[in-house]
């Protein structure tokens, strides 16, 4: 494993190293690479079969793209309608401009109940803002209830995949984590626990059941929010989410503003595309929907925290905004050759893989070393675009963000610009170009294998050998 995000850091977490350095360590971890290769290949093969069952998959893909693009163009109107609908249904809406404000709102809401424990549904948004660490600083313990998130939390680890946060762990490692850590968090793992999936799932079920029955506050995210009714939707495969959404007296949902869709009819498209593209299922085993509060059924108090945290900045970018279409299916991670070898921790973000390489720099900016390096964490092979169920052109956004990073300057970019300017001047003057080619050919034995200023290229590539004579001289000699 790389040194990035191993161990739960203090809040706020430290800035991780740039992607190349983190990936350099990760690719040498043979266990990690084996775990990733097995898991990603299995998931993507199953997904391909599930998608192939639908003759109109490309039409659904285009429909999802258009729904998302329309919503983003009119985001202000749909968010206002959502607030009105949630409020009319008995919920309370809070607006959070950034992570600090969102964490403060949630912490205050939990403290107002007098509780010091909460149960959580798997949520990328709460990971993005570091909610668990922020709550811990306020004396509130947050228990993850998704099986993979539980593994990550018990192991003092960080998620490395959007859909399968513990994809970097194998069954033996998970068994050891349960045996070592479960007892200090609640009900211990049973003696003689094996690494069979059924035994591991049963140990997690028994461990979590007491927390579900005791918790008075639940925290969730949402896959979608329907503006016309104020309904929130969560897709899951285990049922733990439904326990969190229905048993507590107070439910707090933290959701990115881009998750809104206008109507129920729009939801029908994503009910078909998201399960097949993420878990390769025709339908999620558990699709939970709730609208405000109801007497005698579910939580008595519902709070919706609408999170910006850089999303309006991304929305202002005509090319980059398509990243906000993302429905978090993780299909792009499973086909990415870079992710398969480097793993999720190398990206230094809760959003790893191709989508993280374009979403994170837009949410956080590109001033830090890690965020400036993410647009380069790709081979631009285009596999991510081919599998995206909402047709995000990830390679286009990567190139766009690379241009932005280059425009910021920096030593390497200044040298590159100077070299390109000199090359342009020489290429505009044929006599100068010819003289330079002849001089380079005659001195080729003296050229270093790793010329200064080119280490970003030569660290992973060999420079081509110069021929004995320039092409134009060879042509005059052999083809005149």
Protein backbone atom coordinates (compact mmCIF):
# COMPACT_ATOMS: atom_id res chain seq x y z
CA UNK A 1 0.00 0.00 0.00
CA UNK A 2 1.08 3.55 -0.56
CA UNK A 3 1.58 5.93 2.31
CA UNK A 4 -1.38 7.98 1.18
CA UNK A 5 -4.42 7.97 3.45
CA UNK A 6 -3.38 4.91 5.43
CA UNK A 7 -4.68 5.40 8.92
CA UNK A 8 -7.48 7.77 9.83
CA UNK A 9 -5.83 11.19 9.87
CA UNK A 10 -6.50 13.99 12.28
CA UNK A 11 -9.15 16.46 11.11
CA UNK A 12 -8.60 18.15 8.74
CA UNK A 13 -6.60 15.47 6.92
CA UNK A 14 -3.07 16.30 5.75
CA UNK A 15 -2.46 17.16 2.10
CA UNK A 16 -1.35 13.97 0.33
CA UNK A 17 1.58 13.77 -2.09
CA UNK A 18 1.18 14.31 -5.82
CA UNK A 19 -0.28 11.38 -7.76
CA UNK A 20 3.00 10.23 -9.38
CA UNK A 21 4.74 9.81 -6.01
CA UNK A 22 1.80 8.01 -4.40
CA UNK A 23 1.32 5.76 -7.45
CA UNK A 24 5.06 4.98 -7.50
CA UNK A 25 4.69 3.26 -4.13
CA UNK A 26 1.31 1.66 -4.86
CA UNK A 27 2.38 -0.16 -8.03
CA UNK A 28 5.04 -2.01 -6.02
CA UNK A 29 2.46 -3.52 -3.67
CA UNK A 30 1.78 -6.90 -5.30
CA UNK A 31 -1.07 -7.76 -2.90
CA UNK A 32 -2.83 -4.50 -3.67
CA UNK A 33 -2.45 -4.96 -7.41
CA UNK A 34 -3.73 -8.52 -7.21
CA UNK A 35 -6.79 -7.46 -5.20
CA UNK A 36 -7.57 -4.64 -7.63
CA UNK A 37 -7.03 -6.68 -10.76
CA UNK A 38 -9.33 -9.48 -9.59
CA UNK A 39 -12.09 -7.16 -8.36
CA UNK A 40 -12.15 -4.68 -11.25
CA UNK A 41 -12.06 -7.37 -13.93
CA UNK A 42 -14.88 -9.29 -12.23
CA UNK A 43 -17.11 -6.23 -11.86
CA UNK A 44 -16.57 -4.89 -15.36
CA UNK A 45 -17.21 -8.28 -16.98
CA UNK A 46 -20.52 -8.64 -15.12
CA UNK A 47 -21.46 -5.07 -15.99
CA UNK A 48 -20.84 -5.64 -19.69
CA UNK A 49 -23.23 -8.59 -19.69
CA UNK A 50 -25.93 -6.67 -17.80
CA UNK A 51 -25.72 -3.68 -20.14
CA UNK A 52 -25.79 -5.90 -23.23
CA UNK A 53 -29.25 -7.13 -22.20
CA UNK A 54 -30.76 -3.74 -23.04
CA UNK A 55 -31.17 -3.02 -26.73
CA UNK A 56 -31.82 0.65 -25.98
CA UNK A 57 -28.81 1.19 -23.70
CA UNK A 58 -27.36 3.96 -25.88
CA UNK A 59 -30.73 5.74 -25.93
CA UNK A 60 -30.93 5.51 -22.13
CA UNK A 61 -27.39 6.84 -21.91
CA UNK A 62 -28.29 9.82 -24.08
CA UNK A 63 -31.47 10.42 -22.08
CA UNK A 64 -29.51 10.48 -18.82
CA UNK A 65 -27.03 12.93 -20.31
CA UNK A 66 -29.80 15.26 -21.48
CA UNK A 67 -31.66 15.15 -18.17
CA UNK A 68 -28.50 16.03 -16.27
CA UNK A 69 -27.48 18.79 -18.70
CA UNK A 70 -30.94 20.34 -18.59
CA UNK A 71 -30.95 20.24 -14.79
CA UNK A 72 -27.51 21.85 -14.54
CA UNK A 73 -28.54 24.66 -16.91
CA UNK A 74 -31.53 25.44 -14.67
CA UNK A 75 -30.05 24.32 -11.34
CA UNK A 76 -31.15 27.42 -9.43
CA UNK A 77 -34.82 26.90 -10.34
CA UNK A 78 -34.83 23.19 -9.53
CA UNK A 79 -33.10 23.69 -6.17
CA UNK A 80 -35.66 26.29 -5.11
CA UNK A 81 -38.47 23.93 -6.12
CA UNK A 82 -36.78 21.13 -4.16
CA UNK A 83 -36.58 23.28 -1.04
CA UNK A 84 -40.25 24.20 -1.33
CA UNK A 85 -41.26 20.56 -1.78
CA UNK A 86 -39.16 19.26 1.13
CA UNK A 87 -40.46 22.00 3.42
CA UNK A 88 -44.06 21.33 2.44
CA UNK A 89 -43.53 17.64 3.29
CA UNK A 90 -42.34 18.46 6.82
CA UNK A 91 -38.59 18.58 6.30
CA UNK A 92 -36.11 21.37 6.99
CA UNK A 93 -33.60 22.49 4.34
CA UNK A 94 -30.16 23.91 5.14
CA UNK A 95 -27.72 25.41 2.62
CA UNK A 96 -23.99 24.82 3.05
CA UNK A 97 -21.48 26.78 0.96
CA UNK A 98 -18.52 24.61 1.93
CA UNK A 99 -17.38 21.67 4.03
CA UNK A 100 -16.93 23.67 7.22
CA UNK A 101 -20.45 25.03 7.08
CA UNK A 102 -21.96 21.63 6.32
CA UNK A 103 -20.07 19.98 9.19
CA UNK A 104 -21.13 22.74 11.57
CA UNK A 105 -24.80 22.38 10.58
CA UNK A 106 -24.78 18.60 11.05
CA UNK A 107 -22.90 18.75 14.35
CA UNK A 108 -25.33 21.34 15.73
CA UNK A 109 -28.33 19.27 14.64
CA UNK A 110 -26.95 16.15 16.34
CA UNK A 111 -26.06 18.02 19.54
CA UNK A 112 -29.59 19.48 19.63
CA UNK A 113 -30.93 15.93 20.02
CA UNK A 114 -28.65 15.28 23.00
CA UNK A 115 -27.18 12.20 21.32
CA UNK A 116 -23.48 11.36 21.02
CA UNK A 117 -23.78 8.50 18.49
CA UNK A 118 -25.09 8.37 14.92
CA UNK A 119 -25.42 5.62 12.33
CA UNK A 120 -24.54 6.40 8.73
CA UNK A 121 -25.54 5.25 5.28
CA UNK A 122 -22.66 5.05 2.81
CA UNK A 123 -22.23 8.61 1.50
CA UNK A 124 -19.56 10.12 -0.76
CA UNK A 125 -20.60 13.65 0.18
CA UNK A 126 -19.99 13.11 3.90
CA UNK A 127 -16.60 11.57 3.11
CA UNK A 128 -15.80 14.54 0.88
CA UNK A 129 -16.34 17.01 3.73
CA UNK A 130 -14.69 14.85 6.41
CA UNK A 131 -17.89 14.65 8.46
CA UNK A 132 -16.86 11.71 10.65
CA UNK A 133 -13.73 13.50 11.79
CA UNK A 134 -15.62 16.76 12.33
CA UNK A 135 -18.24 14.99 14.45
CA UNK A 136 -15.51 13.23 16.45
CA UNK A 137 -14.03 16.65 17.27
CA UNK A 138 -17.44 17.53 18.76
CA UNK A 139 -17.60 14.34 20.83
CA UNK A 140 -19.98 12.54 18.47
CA UNK A 141 -19.18 9.04 17.22
CA UNK A 142 -20.34 8.14 13.71
CA UNK A 143 -20.74 4.43 12.89
CA UNK A 144 -20.54 3.38 9.25
CA UNK A 145 -23.06 0.64 8.46
CA UNK A 146 -22.30 -0.25 4.85
CA UNK A 147 -20.25 -3.46 4.97
CA UNK A 148 -17.33 -2.10 2.95
CA UNK A 149 -17.37 1.21 4.83
CA UNK A 150 -17.40 -0.73 8.11
CA UNK A 151 -14.29 -2.62 6.98
CA UNK A 152 -12.57 0.67 6.12
CA UNK A 153 -13.56 2.30 9.41
CA UNK A 154 -12.55 -0.64 11.60
CA UNK A 155 -9.23 -0.87 9.75
CA UNK A 156 -8.39 2.83 10.33
CA UNK A 157 -8.24 3.05 6.55
CA UNK A 158 -9.58 5.19 3.71
CA UNK A 159 -11.98 4.22 0.91
CA UNK A 160 -10.27 3.41 -2.38
CA UNK A 161 -13.27 2.88 -4.66
CA UNK A 162 -16.60 4.66 -5.13
CA UNK A 163 -18.78 1.55 -5.15
CA UNK A 164 -16.57 -0.91 -3.23
CA UNK A 165 -14.62 1.21 -0.70
CA UNK A 166 -12.66 -1.80 0.59
CA UNK A 167 -11.74 -3.15 -2.83
CA UNK A 168 -8.06 -3.04 -1.85
CA UNK A 169 -8.64 -5.63 0.91
CA UNK A 170 -8.93 -9.38 0.45
CA UNK A 171 -11.03 -11.72 2.59
CA UNK A 172 -8.15 -12.74 4.80
CA UNK A 173 -7.33 -9.14 5.61
CA UNK A 174 -11.00 -8.42 6.37
CA UNK A 175 -11.22 -11.38 8.76
CA UNK A 176 -8.13 -10.16 10.63
CA UNK A 177 -9.58 -6.63 10.89
CA UNK A 178 -12.86 -7.97 12.31
CA UNK A 179 -11.12 -10.18 14.86
CA UNK A 180 -8.77 -7.42 15.99
CA UNK A 181 -11.05 -4.35 15.99
CA UNK A 182 -14.73 -5.25 16.32
CA UNK A 183 -14.57 -5.74 20.07
CA UNK A 184 -13.36 -2.20 20.73
CA UNK A 185 -16.21 -0.76 18.61
CA UNK A 186 -19.05 -2.89 19.96
CA UNK A 187 -19.99 -6.53 19.67
CA UNK A 188 -16.81 -8.55 18.98
CA UNK A 189 -16.38 -10.93 16.07
CA UNK A 190 -17.23 -14.56 16.93
CA UNK A 191 -14.39 -16.88 17.87
CA UNK A 192 -13.12 -18.98 15.00
CA UNK A 193 -14.30 -16.52 12.37
CA UNK A 194 -13.38 -17.73 8.89
CA UNK A 195 -12.83 -15.68 5.75
CA UNK A 196 -15.85 -17.04 3.88
CA UNK A 197 -18.18 -14.25 2.67
CA UNK A 198 -21.16 -15.66 4.58
CA UNK A 199 -19.28 -15.72 7.90
CA UNK A 200 -17.88 -12.23 7.41
CA UNK A 201 -21.32 -10.85 6.52
CA UNK A 202 -22.90 -12.54 9.55
CA UNK A 203 -20.24 -11.09 11.87
CA UNK A 204 -20.95 -7.62 10.47
CA UNK A 205 -24.73 -8.12 10.78
CA UNK A 206 -24.52 -9.05 14.45
CA UNK A 207 -22.10 -6.21 15.15
CA UNK A 208 -24.30 -3.60 13.48
CA UNK A 209 -27.69 -4.78 14.71
CA UNK A 210 -27.20 -3.40 18.21
CA UNK A 211 -26.24 -0.02 16.76
CA UNK A 212 -29.33 0.13 14.54
CA UNK A 213 -31.61 -0.62 17.46
CA UNK A 214 -29.92 1.91 19.74
CA UNK A 215 -29.32 4.88 17.43
CA UNK A 216 -31.62 7.90 17.60
CA UNK A 217 -29.92 9.82 14.77
CA UNK A 218 -29.17 8.64 11.24
CA UNK A 219 -27.07 10.38 8.59
CA UNK A 220 -27.28 9.70 4.89
CA UNK A 221 -26.53 11.03 1.46
CA UNK A 222 -28.74 10.47 -1.58
CA UNK A 223 -28.30 9.27 -5.13
CA UNK A 224 -31.07 11.55 -6.41
CA UNK A 225 -33.43 14.26 -5.18
CA UNK A 226 -36.72 14.76 -7.06
CA UNK A 227 -37.52 18.48 -7.17
CA UNK A 228 -41.26 18.20 -7.93
CA UNK A 229 -42.01 16.11 -4.81
CA UNK A 230 -39.05 16.65 -2.46
CA UNK A 231 -38.32 12.91 -2.52
CA UNK A 232 -34.82 11.59 -1.79
CA UNK A 233 -33.61 8.29 -3.23
CA UNK A 234 -30.89 5.92 -2.00
CA UNK A 235 -29.74 2.86 -3.97
CA UNK A 236 -28.06 0.06 -2.01
CA UNK A 237 -27.54 -3.69 -2.02
CA UNK A 238 -27.41 -4.72 1.66
CA UNK A 239 -30.42 -3.25 3.49
CA UNK A 240 -28.25 -1.48 6.07
CA UNK A 241 -29.15 1.84 4.50
CA UNK A 242 -32.85 1.21 4.95
CA UNK A 243 -32.28 0.48 8.65
CA UNK A 244 -30.55 3.86 8.98
CA UNK A 245 -33.25 5.66 7.04
CA UNK A 246 -36.26 4.27 8.92
CA UNK A 247 -35.33 3.42 12.54
CA UNK A 248 -33.79 6.66 13.96
CA UNK A 249 -35.96 9.48 15.26
CA UNK A 250 -33.92 12.10 13.38
CA UNK A 251 -32.57 11.75 9.85
CA UNK A 252 -29.99 14.18 8.42
CA UNK A 253 -29.15 13.91 4.71
CA UNK A 254 -26.11 15.67 3.25
CA UNK A 255 -26.40 15.85 -0.54
CA UNK A 256 -24.50 17.67 -3.28
CA UNK A 257 -26.63 20.20 -5.14
CA UNK A 258 -25.97 18.44 -8.46
CA UNK A 259 -27.97 15.38 -7.33
CA UNK A 260 -31.31 17.06 -7.99
CA UNK A 261 -33.45 15.95 -10.94
CA UNK A 262 -36.68 17.68 -12.00
CA UNK A 263 -39.35 14.93 -12.07
CA UNK A 264 -40.30 11.36 -11.19
CA UNK A 265 -40.28 10.56 -14.90
CA UNK A 266 -36.59 11.52 -15.03
CA UNK A 267 -35.85 9.09 -12.20
CA UNK A 268 -37.12 6.21 -14.35
CA UNK A 269 -34.08 6.50 -16.64
CA UNK A 270 -31.58 6.24 -13.80
CA UNK A 271 -33.44 3.35 -12.18
CA UNK A 272 -32.40 1.38 -15.26
CA UNK A 273 -28.87 2.68 -15.87
CA UNK A 274 -27.36 3.06 -12.40
CA UNK A 275 -27.83 -0.53 -11.10
CA UNK A 276 -26.58 -2.14 -14.31
CA UNK A 277 -23.61 0.19 -14.62
CA UNK A 278 -22.52 -0.08 -10.99
CA UNK A 279 -23.38 -3.48 -9.49
CA UNK A 280 -24.37 -5.22 -12.78
CA UNK A 281 -27.86 -5.77 -11.35
CA UNK A 282 -31.09 -5.26 -13.25
CA UNK A 283 -32.49 -3.49 -10.19
CA UNK A 284 -31.00 -2.57 -6.85
CA UNK A 285 -32.05 -4.95 -4.06
CA UNK A 286 -32.95 -1.92 -1.95
CA UNK A 287 -34.17 1.33 -3.50
CA UNK A 288 -35.33 3.55 -0.63
CA UNK A 289 -37.38 6.70 -1.21
CA UNK A 290 -38.68 9.13 1.39
CA UNK A 291 -40.49 12.43 1.27
CA UNK A 292 -40.29 14.60 4.39
CA UNK A 293 -41.83 13.09 7.50
CA UNK A 294 -45.01 11.12 8.25
CA UNK A 295 -46.83 10.47 11.51
CA UNK A 296 -46.06 7.03 12.89
CA UNK A 297 -43.77 6.02 10.04
CA UNK A 298 -40.03 6.62 9.86
CA UNK A 299 -38.07 9.52 11.41
CA UNK A 300 -40.04 12.27 13.12
CA UNK A 301 -37.48 14.92 12.11
CA UNK A 302 -35.87 15.25 8.68
CA UNK A 303 -33.12 17.71 7.74
CA UNK A 304 -31.66 18.12 4.25
CA UNK A 305 -28.25 19.80 3.97
CA UNK A 306 -27.63 20.96 0.38
CA UNK A 307 -23.89 21.03 -0.23
CA UNK A 308 -22.07 23.29 -2.68
CA UNK A 309 -18.38 22.91 -1.76
CA UNK A 310 -17.01 23.91 -5.16
CA UNK A 311 -19.87 22.70 -7.32
CA UNK A 312 -20.95 26.14 -8.52
CA UNK A 313 -17.34 26.80 -9.54
CA UNK A 314 -17.42 23.64 -11.65
CA UNK A 315 -20.80 24.65 -13.03
CA UNK A 316 -19.29 27.86 -14.39
CA UNK A 317 -16.88 25.89 -16.60
CA UNK A 318 -18.53 25.07 -19.93
CA UNK A 319 -16.35 21.98 -20.49
CA UNK A 320 -15.67 20.88 -16.93
CA UNK A 321 -19.28 21.05 -15.75
CA UNK A 322 -20.10 17.72 -17.39
CA UNK A 323 -18.35 16.07 -14.43
CA UNK A 324 -21.41 17.11 -12.40
CA UNK A 325 -23.50 14.66 -14.43
CA UNK A 326 -21.79 11.81 -12.54
CA UNK A 327 -24.18 9.38 -10.84
CA UNK A 328 -21.34 7.63 -8.92
CA UNK A 329 -21.66 4.27 -10.65
CA UNK A 330 -17.85 3.72 -10.65
CA UNK A 331 -17.83 2.03 -14.07
CA UNK A 332 -14.98 4.29 -15.17
CA UNK A 333 -12.77 3.04 -12.33
CA UNK A 334 -13.24 -0.59 -13.28
CA UNK A 335 -11.99 -0.13 -16.85
CA UNK A 336 -9.17 2.33 -16.13
CA UNK A 337 -5.66 0.84 -16.54
CA UNK A 338 -4.20 3.56 -14.32
CA UNK A 339 -6.62 2.96 -11.45
CA UNK A 340 -6.16 -0.82 -11.71
CA UNK A 341 -2.43 -0.45 -11.11
CA UNK A 342 -2.23 2.52 -8.76
CA UNK A 343 -5.34 1.98 -6.62
CA UNK A 344 -7.66 4.57 -5.17
CA UNK A 345 -5.51 5.94 -2.35
CA UNK A 346 -3.01 7.40 -4.81
CA UNK A 347 -5.61 9.97 -5.93
CA UNK A 348 -5.64 11.63 -2.50
CA UNK A 349 -9.41 12.07 -2.63
CA UNK A 350 -12.63 10.22 -1.85
CA UNK A 351 -13.25 10.37 -5.60
CA UNK A 352 -10.58 8.14 -7.18
CA UNK A 353 -10.12 6.97 -10.74
CA UNK A 354 -11.01 8.86 -13.92
CA UNK A 355 -14.01 10.69 -12.46
CA UNK A 356 -11.91 11.76 -9.47
CA UNK A 357 -9.19 13.03 -11.79
CA UNK A 358 -11.65 15.56 -13.24
CA UNK A 359 -14.06 16.15 -10.36
CA UNK A 360 -11.63 16.68 -7.48
CA UNK A 361 -9.53 19.42 -9.18
CA UNK A 362 -12.73 21.29 -9.95
CA UNK A 363 -14.12 21.01 -6.43
CA UNK A 364 -10.83 21.82 -4.67
CA UNK A 365 -9.02 23.86 -7.32
CA UNK A 366 -5.58 23.09 -8.74
CA UNK A 367 -3.35 25.10 -6.42
CA UNK A 368 -2.10 22.11 -4.41
CA UNK A 369 0.43 19.64 -5.80
CA UNK A 370 -1.94 16.68 -5.62
CA UNK A 371 -4.84 18.47 -7.34
CA UNK A 372 -2.60 19.86 -10.09
CA UNK A 373 -1.31 16.34 -10.77
CA UNK A 374 -4.69 14.58 -11.04
CA UNK A 375 -5.54 15.64 -14.63
CA UNK A 376 -2.34 13.85 -15.68
CA UNK A 377 -3.33 10.59 -13.93
CA UNK A 378 -4.63 9.10 -17.16
CA UNK A 379 -3.47 7.49 -20.38
CA UNK A 380 -6.36 9.17 -22.27
CA UNK A 381 -7.35 5.77 -23.67
CA UNK A 382 -11.04 6.75 -23.60
CA UNK A 383 -12.37 3.56 -21.98
CA UNK A 384 -13.93 5.65 -19.21
CA UNK A 385 -16.03 7.63 -21.69
CA UNK A 386 -17.23 4.47 -23.42
CA UNK A 387 -18.71 3.00 -20.22
CA UNK A 388 -20.08 6.18 -18.61
CA UNK A 389 -23.90 5.86 -18.36
CA UNK A 390 -24.33 9.64 -18.68
CA UNK A 391 -21.70 10.09 -21.43
CA UNK A 392 -19.20 12.26 -19.54
CA UNK A 393 -16.33 12.87 -21.97
CA UNK A 394 -13.65 12.39 -19.32
CA UNK A 395 -10.69 12.57 -21.75
CA UNK A 396 -11.95 15.95 -23.03
CA UNK A 397 -12.18 17.33 -19.49
CA UNK A 398 -8.75 15.92 -18.59
CA UNK A 399 -7.12 17.73 -21.50
CA UNK A 400 -9.06 20.89 -20.61
CA UNK A 401 -7.83 20.75 -17.01
CA UNK A 402 -4.27 20.06 -18.10
CA UNK A 403 -4.39 23.26 -20.09
CA UNK A 404 -5.57 25.12 -16.99
CA UNK A 405 -2.76 23.64 -14.91
CA UNK A 406 -0.21 24.56 -17.57
CA UNK A 407 -1.53 28.14 -17.67
CA UNK A 408 -0.78 28.44 -13.95
CA UNK A 409 2.91 28.21 -14.78
CA UNK A 410 5.48 26.52 -12.60
CA UNK A 411 9.06 25.53 -13.39
CA UNK A 412 8.28 22.59 -15.65
CA UNK A 413 5.61 24.42 -17.61
CA UNK A 414 7.83 27.48 -18.10
CA UNK A 415 10.59 25.29 -19.55
CA UNK A 416 8.09 23.56 -21.80
CA UNK A 417 6.73 26.87 -23.10
CA UNK A 418 10.25 28.14 -23.76
CA UNK A 419 11.13 24.94 -25.62
CA UNK A 420 7.98 25.11 -27.73
CA UNK A 421 8.62 28.76 -28.54
CA UNK A 422 12.19 27.96 -29.66
CA UNK A 423 10.98 24.98 -31.72
CA UNK A 424 8.32 27.13 -33.39
CA UNK A 425 10.93 29.77 -34.31
CA UNK A 426 13.24 27.11 -35.83
CA UNK A 427 10.48 25.33 -37.74
CA UNK A 428 9.47 28.61 -39.38
CA UNK A 429 13.03 28.83 -40.84
CA UNK A 430 13.89 25.79 -43.01
CA UNK A 431 17.59 26.58 -43.25
CA UNK A 432 17.91 26.86 -39.47
CA UNK A 433 15.92 23.62 -39.02
CA UNK A 434 18.16 21.75 -41.51
CA UNK A 435 21.34 23.00 -39.86
CA UNK A 436 20.05 21.98 -36.43
CA UNK A 437 19.14 18.48 -37.65
CA UNK A 438 22.61 17.94 -39.16
CA UNK A 439 24.32 19.17 -36.00
CA UNK A 440 22.18 16.88 -33.83
CA UNK A 441 22.93 13.86 -36.04
CA UNK A 442 26.69 14.47 -36.06
CA UNK A 443 26.87 14.83 -32.27
CA UNK A 444 24.43 12.05 -31.43
CA UNK A 445 27.03 9.96 -29.62
CA UNK A 446 27.49 12.77 -27.12
CA UNK A 447 23.82 13.18 -26.25
CA UNK A 448 22.86 12.18 -22.66
CA UNK A 449 20.28 9.45 -22.12
CA UNK A 450 18.46 11.70 -19.63
CA UNK A 451 18.85 15.33 -20.70
CA UNK A 452 18.35 17.92 -17.94
CA UNK A 453 14.84 19.32 -17.71
CA UNK A 454 13.24 16.23 -19.31
CA UNK A 455 13.06 13.88 -16.33
CA UNK A 456 9.24 13.92 -16.35
CA UNK A 457 9.52 12.15 -19.71
CA UNK A 458 12.67 10.07 -19.29
CA UNK A 459 11.73 8.68 -15.86
CA UNK A 460 9.31 6.34 -17.61
CA UNK A 461 10.35 6.44 -21.30
CA UNK A 462 13.45 6.04 -23.43
CA UNK A 463 14.37 8.85 -25.78
CA UNK A 464 14.42 7.76 -29.44
CA UNK A 465 17.87 7.31 -30.95
CA UNK A 466 18.86 9.88 -33.55
CA UNK A 467 19.65 8.52 -37.04
CA UNK A 468 23.06 8.91 -38.62
CA UNK A 469 21.70 11.53 -41.02
CA UNK A 470 18.58 13.75 -41.07
CA UNK A 471 15.71 12.50 -43.22
CA UNK A 472 16.04 15.30 -45.76
CA UNK A 473 19.73 14.40 -46.37
CA UNK A 474 18.84 10.70 -46.67
CA UNK A 475 16.12 11.57 -49.19
CA UNK A 476 18.48 13.66 -51.34
CA UNK A 477 21.01 10.84 -51.37
CA UNK A 478 18.63 7.95 -52.06
CA UNK A 479 15.65 9.37 -53.92
CA UNK A 480 16.93 12.19 -56.13
